[in-house]
Amino acid sequence: MFEHIKEFYIMGCGALGKYLKKYFIEQADLNFLGFIDNNQTGENIFKPEEVNKNSFVIIGIINYMYEMTKQLKNLGFKNIITFAELTLIYPDLQNYNKSYLGLKEDYEQNKNEYKKIYDFLSDEKSKRVLDKIIEYRKTYSIDLYPQIADNPNLQYCDKVAPRNIGVYVDGGAFS
């Protein structure tokens, strides 16, 4: 994948972005051009509008990778890869965020159990969502998000979470 890539940017200059910078400079001998960030400023930090749209960009954000990828695509960027997609090429990256660890293998090892769940579902929408979740676990394609959630921008319950309570637990199941 990186054979033709000589230089790169990272969207997001938090802990993951810094980790990926170090990783790809050491592992792939690539030239780091800088971070892209909407909120941060500083040396080697650029606004998306300041970066050449043909540049290779790694999304170094997990919680908002859909939103960041969508933003860059809307600005005309075409060479984008998410952290999740990188873990398929560089499996050792899963050690940074273990939420991706073994998802693809889990499906392969438990196809019959997934089939039972699928057969248990009574409506077509639930079956389509499960199909897309399984496809996401195999490919980590960010383009599947809108096909999984009615509104992927609400995946963290921003507008539906109860307010003024001591503890709220979102049980998940989106990924």
C-alpha atoms as a PDB file:
ATOM      1  CA  MET A   1       0.000   0.000   0.000  1.00  0.00           C
ATOM      2  CA  PHE A   2       2.726   2.457   0.920  1.00  0.00           C
ATOM      3  CA  GLU A   3       5.100   1.556  -1.897  1.00  0.00           C
ATOM      4  CA  HIS A   4       4.277   4.707  -3.865  1.00  0.00           C
ATOM      5  CA  ILE A   5       3.783   6.919  -0.795  1.00  0.00           C
ATOM      6  CA  LYS A   6       6.804   8.987   0.151  1.00  0.00           C
ATOM      7  CA  GLU A   7       5.223  11.594   2.415  1.00  0.00           C
ATOM      8  CA  PHE A   8       2.114  11.924   4.526  1.00  0.00           C
ATOM      9  CA  TYR A   9      -0.035  14.047   6.808  1.00  0.00           C
ATOM     10  CA  ILE A  10      -1.980  12.904   9.845  1.00  0.00           C
ATOM     11  CA  MET A  11      -5.440  14.281  10.596  1.00  0.00           C
ATOM     12  CA  GLY A  12      -5.538  14.799  14.345  1.00  0.00           C
ATOM     13  CA  CYS A  13      -2.588  15.721  16.526  1.00  0.00           C
ATOM     14  CA  GLY A  14      -3.618  13.921  19.697  1.00  0.00           C
ATOM     15  CA  ALA A  15      -2.026  10.834  21.228  1.00  0.00           C
ATOM     16  CA  LEU A  16      -2.924   8.513  18.331  1.00  0.00           C
ATOM     17  CA  GLY A  17      -1.709  11.001  15.729  1.00  0.00           C
ATOM     18  CA  LYS A  18       1.634  11.334  17.499  1.00  0.00           C
ATOM     19  CA  TYR A  19       1.911   7.564  17.817  1.00  0.00           C
ATOM     20  CA  LEU A  20       1.229   7.086  14.082  1.00  0.00           C
ATOM     21  CA  LYS A  21       3.771   9.769  13.179  1.00  0.00           C
ATOM     22  CA  LYS A  22       6.500   7.939  15.081  1.00  0.00           C
ATOM     23  CA  TYR A  23       5.364   4.527  13.832  1.00  0.00           C
ATOM     24  CA  PHE A  24       5.415   5.408  10.120  1.00  0.00           C
ATOM     25  CA  ILE A  25       8.638   7.368  10.249  1.00  0.00           C
ATOM     26  CA  GLU A  26      10.325   4.361  11.887  1.00  0.00           C
ATOM     27  CA  GLN A  27       8.510   1.476  10.152  1.00  0.00           C
ATOM     28  CA  ALA A  28       7.964   2.798   6.645  1.00  0.00           C
ATOM     29  CA  ASP A  29      10.655   5.478   6.371  1.00  0.00           C
ATOM     30  CA  LEU A  30       8.115   8.056   5.196  1.00  0.00           C
ATOM     31  CA  ASN A  31       8.503  11.825   5.269  1.00  0.00           C
ATOM     32  CA  PHE A  32       6.055  13.373   7.753  1.00  0.00           C
ATOM     33  CA  LEU A  33       4.700  16.679   6.405  1.00  0.00           C
ATOM     34  CA  GLY A  34       2.604  17.688   9.389  1.00  0.00           C
ATOM     35  CA  PHE A  35      -0.635  17.325  11.260  1.00  0.00           C
ATOM     36  CA  ILE A  36      -4.010  18.461   9.987  1.00  0.00           C
ATOM     37  CA  ASP A  37      -6.337  19.693  12.706  1.00  0.00           C
ATOM     38  CA  ASN A  38      -9.452  21.852  12.862  1.00  0.00           C
ATOM     39  CA  ASN A  39      -8.802  23.153  16.375  1.00  0.00           C
ATOM     40  CA  GLN A  40      -5.084  23.034  17.147  1.00  0.00           C
ATOM     41  CA  THR A  41      -2.472  25.489  15.938  1.00  0.00           C
ATOM     42  CA  GLY A  42       1.295  25.416  16.044  1.00  0.00           C
ATOM     43  CA  GLU A  43       4.379  24.272  14.220  1.00  0.00           C
ATOM     44  CA  ASN A  44       3.620  21.580  11.614  1.00  0.00           C
ATOM     45  CA  ILE A  45      -0.140  21.856  12.264  1.00  0.00           C
ATOM     46  CA  PHE A  46      -2.267  22.865   9.294  1.00  0.00           C
ATOM     47  CA  LYS A  47      -5.929  23.549   8.691  1.00  0.00           C
ATOM     48  CA  PRO A  48      -7.425  21.146   6.100  1.00  0.00           C
ATOM     49  CA  GLU A  49      -7.849  23.998   3.626  1.00  0.00           C
ATOM     50  CA  GLU A  50      -4.083  24.685   3.706  1.00  0.00           C
ATOM     51  CA  VAL A  51      -3.079  21.187   2.549  1.00  0.00           C
ATOM     52  CA  ASN A  52      -2.714  19.955  -1.037  1.00  0.00           C
ATOM     53  CA  LYS A  53      -5.781  17.812  -1.795  1.00  0.00           C
ATOM     54  CA  ASN A  54      -3.608  15.170  -3.509  1.00  0.00           C
ATOM     55  CA  SER A  55      -1.651  14.536  -0.316  1.00  0.00           C
ATOM     56  CA  PHE A  56      -1.798  11.197   1.471  1.00  0.00           C
ATOM     57  CA  VAL A  57      -3.641  11.586   4.783  1.00  0.00           C
ATOM     58  CA  ILE A  58      -3.872   9.148   7.668  1.00  0.00           C
ATOM     59  CA  ILE A  59      -6.882   9.680   9.935  1.00  0.00           C
ATOM     60  CA  GLY A  60      -5.291   9.607  13.389  1.00  0.00           C
ATOM     61  CA  ILE A  61      -8.569   9.885  15.289  1.00  0.00           C
ATOM     62  CA  ILE A  62     -10.715   6.962  16.377  1.00  0.00           C
ATOM     63  CA  ASN A  63     -13.839   8.507  17.895  1.00  0.00           C
ATOM     64  CA  TYR A  64     -14.522  10.890  15.013  1.00  0.00           C
ATOM     65  CA  MET A  65     -12.915   9.073  12.095  1.00  0.00           C
ATOM     66  CA  TYR A  66     -16.172   9.059  10.117  1.00  0.00           C
ATOM     67  CA  GLU A  67     -16.664  12.804  10.530  1.00  0.00           C
ATOM     68  CA  MET A  68     -13.024  13.628   9.748  1.00  0.00           C
ATOM     69  CA  THR A  69     -12.963  11.375   6.683  1.00  0.00           C
ATOM     70  CA  LYS A  70     -16.220  12.890   5.443  1.00  0.00           C
ATOM     71  CA  GLN A  71     -14.857  16.404   5.984  1.00  0.00           C
ATOM     72  CA  LEU A  72     -11.687  15.687   3.997  1.00  0.00           C
ATOM     73  CA  LYS A  73     -13.621  13.989   1.182  1.00  0.00           C
ATOM     74  CA  ASN A  74     -15.973  16.977   1.002  1.00  0.00           C
ATOM     75  CA  LEU A  75     -12.914  19.223   0.644  1.00  0.00           C
ATOM     76  CA  GLY A  76     -11.655  17.125  -2.282  1.00  0.00           C
ATOM     77  CA  PHE A  77      -9.093  14.856  -0.591  1.00  0.00           C
ATOM     78  CA  LYS A  78      -8.881  11.426  -2.217  1.00  0.00           C
ATOM     79  CA  ASN A  79      -5.901   9.671  -0.601  1.00  0.00           C
ATOM     80  CA  ILE A  80      -7.279   8.972   2.860  1.00  0.00           C
ATOM     81  CA  ILE A  81      -6.853   5.944   5.094  1.00  0.00           C
ATOM     82  CA  THR A  82      -8.275   5.505   8.591  1.00  0.00           C
ATOM     83  CA  PHE A  83      -6.553   3.996  11.596  1.00  0.00           C
ATOM     84  CA  ALA A  84      -8.990   1.065  11.402  1.00  0.00           C
ATOM     85  CA  GLU A  85      -8.016   0.338   7.785  1.00  0.00           C
ATOM     86  CA  LEU A  86      -4.340   0.603   8.713  1.00  0.00           C
ATOM     87  CA  THR A  87      -4.749  -2.180  11.275  1.00  0.00           C
ATOM     88  CA  LEU A  88      -5.568  -4.575   8.413  1.00  0.00           C
ATOM     89  CA  ILE A  89      -2.258  -3.727   6.723  1.00  0.00           C
ATOM     90  CA  TYR A  90      -0.215  -3.351   9.921  1.00  0.00           C
ATOM     91  CA  PRO A  91      -1.832  -5.731  12.475  1.00  0.00           C
ATOM     92  CA  ASP A  92       0.599  -4.700  15.216  1.00  0.00           C
ATOM     93  CA  LEU A  93      -1.171  -1.310  15.275  1.00  0.00           C
ATOM     94  CA  GLN A  94      -4.082  -3.117  16.950  1.00  0.00           C
ATOM     95  CA  ASN A  95      -1.984  -3.075  20.103  1.00  0.00           C
ATOM     96  CA  TYR A  96      -2.491   0.693  20.318  1.00  0.00           C
ATOM     97  CA  ASN A  97      -6.273   0.365  20.372  1.00  0.00           C
ATOM     98  CA  LYS A  98      -7.456  -3.123  21.180  1.00  0.00           C
ATOM     99  CA  SER A  99     -11.047  -2.456  20.077  1.00  0.00           C
ATOM    100  CA  TYR A 100     -10.066  -3.687  16.603  1.00  0.00           C
ATOM    101  CA  LEU A 101      -8.179  -6.700  17.880  1.00  0.00           C
ATOM    102  CA  GLY A 102      -9.575  -9.875  16.391  1.00  0.00           C
ATOM    103  CA  LEU A 103     -12.833  -8.525  14.940  1.00  0.00           C
ATOM    104  CA  LYS A 104     -12.194  -9.975  11.499  1.00  0.00           C
ATOM    105  CA  GLU A 105     -10.993 -13.263  12.960  1.00  0.00           C
ATOM    106  CA  ASP A 106     -14.015 -13.430  15.281  1.00  0.00           C
ATOM    107  CA  TYR A 107     -16.361 -13.439  12.329  1.00  0.00           C
ATOM    108  CA  GLU A 108     -14.341 -16.073  10.475  1.00  0.00           C
ATOM    109  CA  GLN A 109     -14.263 -18.327  13.549  1.00  0.00           C
ATOM    110  CA  ASN A 110     -17.938 -17.850  14.436  1.00  0.00           C
ATOM    111  CA  LYS A 111     -19.773 -17.694  11.115  1.00  0.00           C
ATOM    112  CA  ASN A 112     -22.374 -20.193  12.316  1.00  0.00           C
ATOM    113  CA  GLU A 113     -23.155 -18.078  15.395  1.00  0.00           C
ATOM    114  CA  TYR A 114     -23.527 -14.967  13.248  1.00  0.00           C
ATOM    115  CA  LYS A 115     -25.874 -16.936  10.974  1.00  0.00           C
ATOM    116  CA  LYS A 116     -28.008 -17.867  14.010  1.00  0.00           C
ATOM    117  CA  ILE A 117     -28.228 -14.214  15.007  1.00  0.00           C
ATOM    118  CA  TYR A 118     -29.142 -13.258  11.448  1.00  0.00           C
ATOM    119  CA  ASP A 119     -31.862 -15.921  11.292  1.00  0.00           C
ATOM    120  CA  PHE A 120     -33.226 -14.771  14.652  1.00  0.00           C
ATOM    121  CA  LEU A 121     -33.771 -11.226  13.378  1.00  0.00           C
ATOM    122  CA  SER A 122     -37.323 -10.671  12.176  1.00  0.00           C
ATOM    123  CA  ASP A 123     -37.088  -7.462  10.150  1.00  0.00           C
ATOM    124  CA  GLU A 124     -35.135  -6.666   7.007  1.00  0.00           C
ATOM    125  CA  LYS A 125     -33.568  -3.470   8.385  1.00  0.00           C
ATOM    126  CA  SER A 126     -31.936  -5.366  11.271  1.00  0.00           C
ATOM    127  CA  LYS A 127     -30.639  -7.988   8.846  1.00  0.00           C
ATOM    128  CA  ARG A 128     -29.183  -5.275   6.564  1.00  0.00           C
ATOM    129  CA  VAL A 129     -27.522  -3.583   9.548  1.00  0.00           C
ATOM    130  CA  LEU A 130     -25.995  -6.879  10.711  1.00  0.00           C
ATOM    131  CA  ASP A 131     -24.724  -7.561   7.177  1.00  0.00           C
ATOM    132  CA  LYS A 132     -23.062  -4.118   7.113  1.00  0.00           C
ATOM    133  CA  ILE A 133     -21.560  -4.579  10.577  1.00  0.00           C
ATOM    134  CA  ILE A 134     -20.038  -7.886   9.453  1.00  0.00           C
ATOM    135  CA  GLU A 135     -18.746  -6.249   6.262  1.00  0.00           C
ATOM    136  CA  TYR A 136     -17.258  -3.418   8.344  1.00  0.00           C
ATOM    137  CA  ARG A 137     -15.504  -5.921  10.611  1.00  0.00           C
ATOM    138  CA  LYS A 138     -13.912  -7.505   7.548  1.00  0.00           C
ATOM    139  CA  THR A 139     -12.897  -4.290   5.749  1.00  0.00           C
ATOM    140  CA  TYR A 140     -13.100  -1.392   8.243  1.00  0.00           C
ATOM    141  CA  SER A 141     -14.416   0.695   5.364  1.00  0.00           C
ATOM    142  CA  ILE A 142     -15.596   4.016   6.745  1.00  0.00           C
ATOM    143  CA  ASP A 143     -18.044   4.255   3.838  1.00  0.00           C
ATOM    144  CA  LEU A 144     -20.206   1.631   5.584  1.00  0.00           C
ATOM    145  CA  TYR A 145     -21.028   3.885   8.564  1.00  0.00           C
ATOM    146  CA  PRO A 146     -24.071   5.558   6.947  1.00  0.00           C
ATOM    147  CA  GLN A 147     -25.404   2.118   6.002  1.00  0.00           C
ATOM    148  CA  ILE A 148     -25.133   0.893   9.604  1.00  0.00           C
ATOM    149  CA  ALA A 149     -26.561   3.856  11.496  1.00  0.00           C
ATOM    150  CA  ASP A 150     -29.533   5.983  10.493  1.00  0.00           C
ATOM    151  CA  ASN A 151     -27.451   9.004  11.440  1.00  0.00           C
ATOM    152  CA  PRO A 152     -23.776   8.202  12.013  1.00  0.00           C
ATOM    153  CA  ASN A 153     -23.271  11.658  13.521  1.00  0.00           C
ATOM    154  CA  LEU A 154     -25.407  10.572  16.497  1.00  0.00           C
ATOM    155  CA  GLN A 155     -23.459   7.399  17.170  1.00  0.00           C
ATOM    156  CA  TYR A 156     -22.452   8.604  20.626  1.00  0.00           C
ATOM    157  CA  CYS A 157     -25.996   9.422  21.747  1.00  0.00           C
ATOM    158  CA  ASP A 158     -25.343  13.178  21.843  1.00  0.00           C
ATOM    159  CA  LYS A 159     -28.999  14.077  21.416  1.00  0.00           C
ATOM    160  CA  VAL A 160     -30.662  11.155  23.173  1.00  0.00           C
ATOM    161  CA  ALA A 161     -28.539  10.606  26.282  1.00  0.00           C
ATOM    162  CA  PRO A 162     -30.397  11.340  29.527  1.00  0.00           C
ATOM    163  CA  ARG A 163     -29.319  14.561  31.213  1.00  0.00           C
ATOM    164  CA  ASN A 164     -28.871  15.412  34.882  1.00  0.00           C
ATOM    165  CA  ILE A 165     -28.203  11.876  36.070  1.00  0.00           C
ATOM    166  CA  GLY A 166     -25.180  10.643  37.929  1.00  0.00           C
ATOM    167  CA  VAL A 167     -24.137   7.862  35.583  1.00  0.00           C
ATOM    168  CA  TYR A 168     -25.132   6.996  32.018  1.00  0.00           C
ATOM    169  CA  VAL A 169     -23.838   3.869  30.303  1.00  0.00           C
ATOM    170  CA  ASP A 170     -24.056   3.515  26.535  1.00  0.00           C
ATOM    171  CA  GLY A 171     -23.966  -0.242  25.960  1.00  0.00           C
ATOM    172  CA  GLY A 172     -22.727   0.238  22.424  1.00  0.00           C
ATOM    173  CA  ALA A 173     -23.040  -2.376  19.694  1.00  0.00           C
ATOM    174  CA  PHE A 174     -22.290   0.085  16.892  1.00  0.00           C
ATOM    175  CA  SER A 175     -18.890  -1.410  16.200  1.00  0.00           C
END
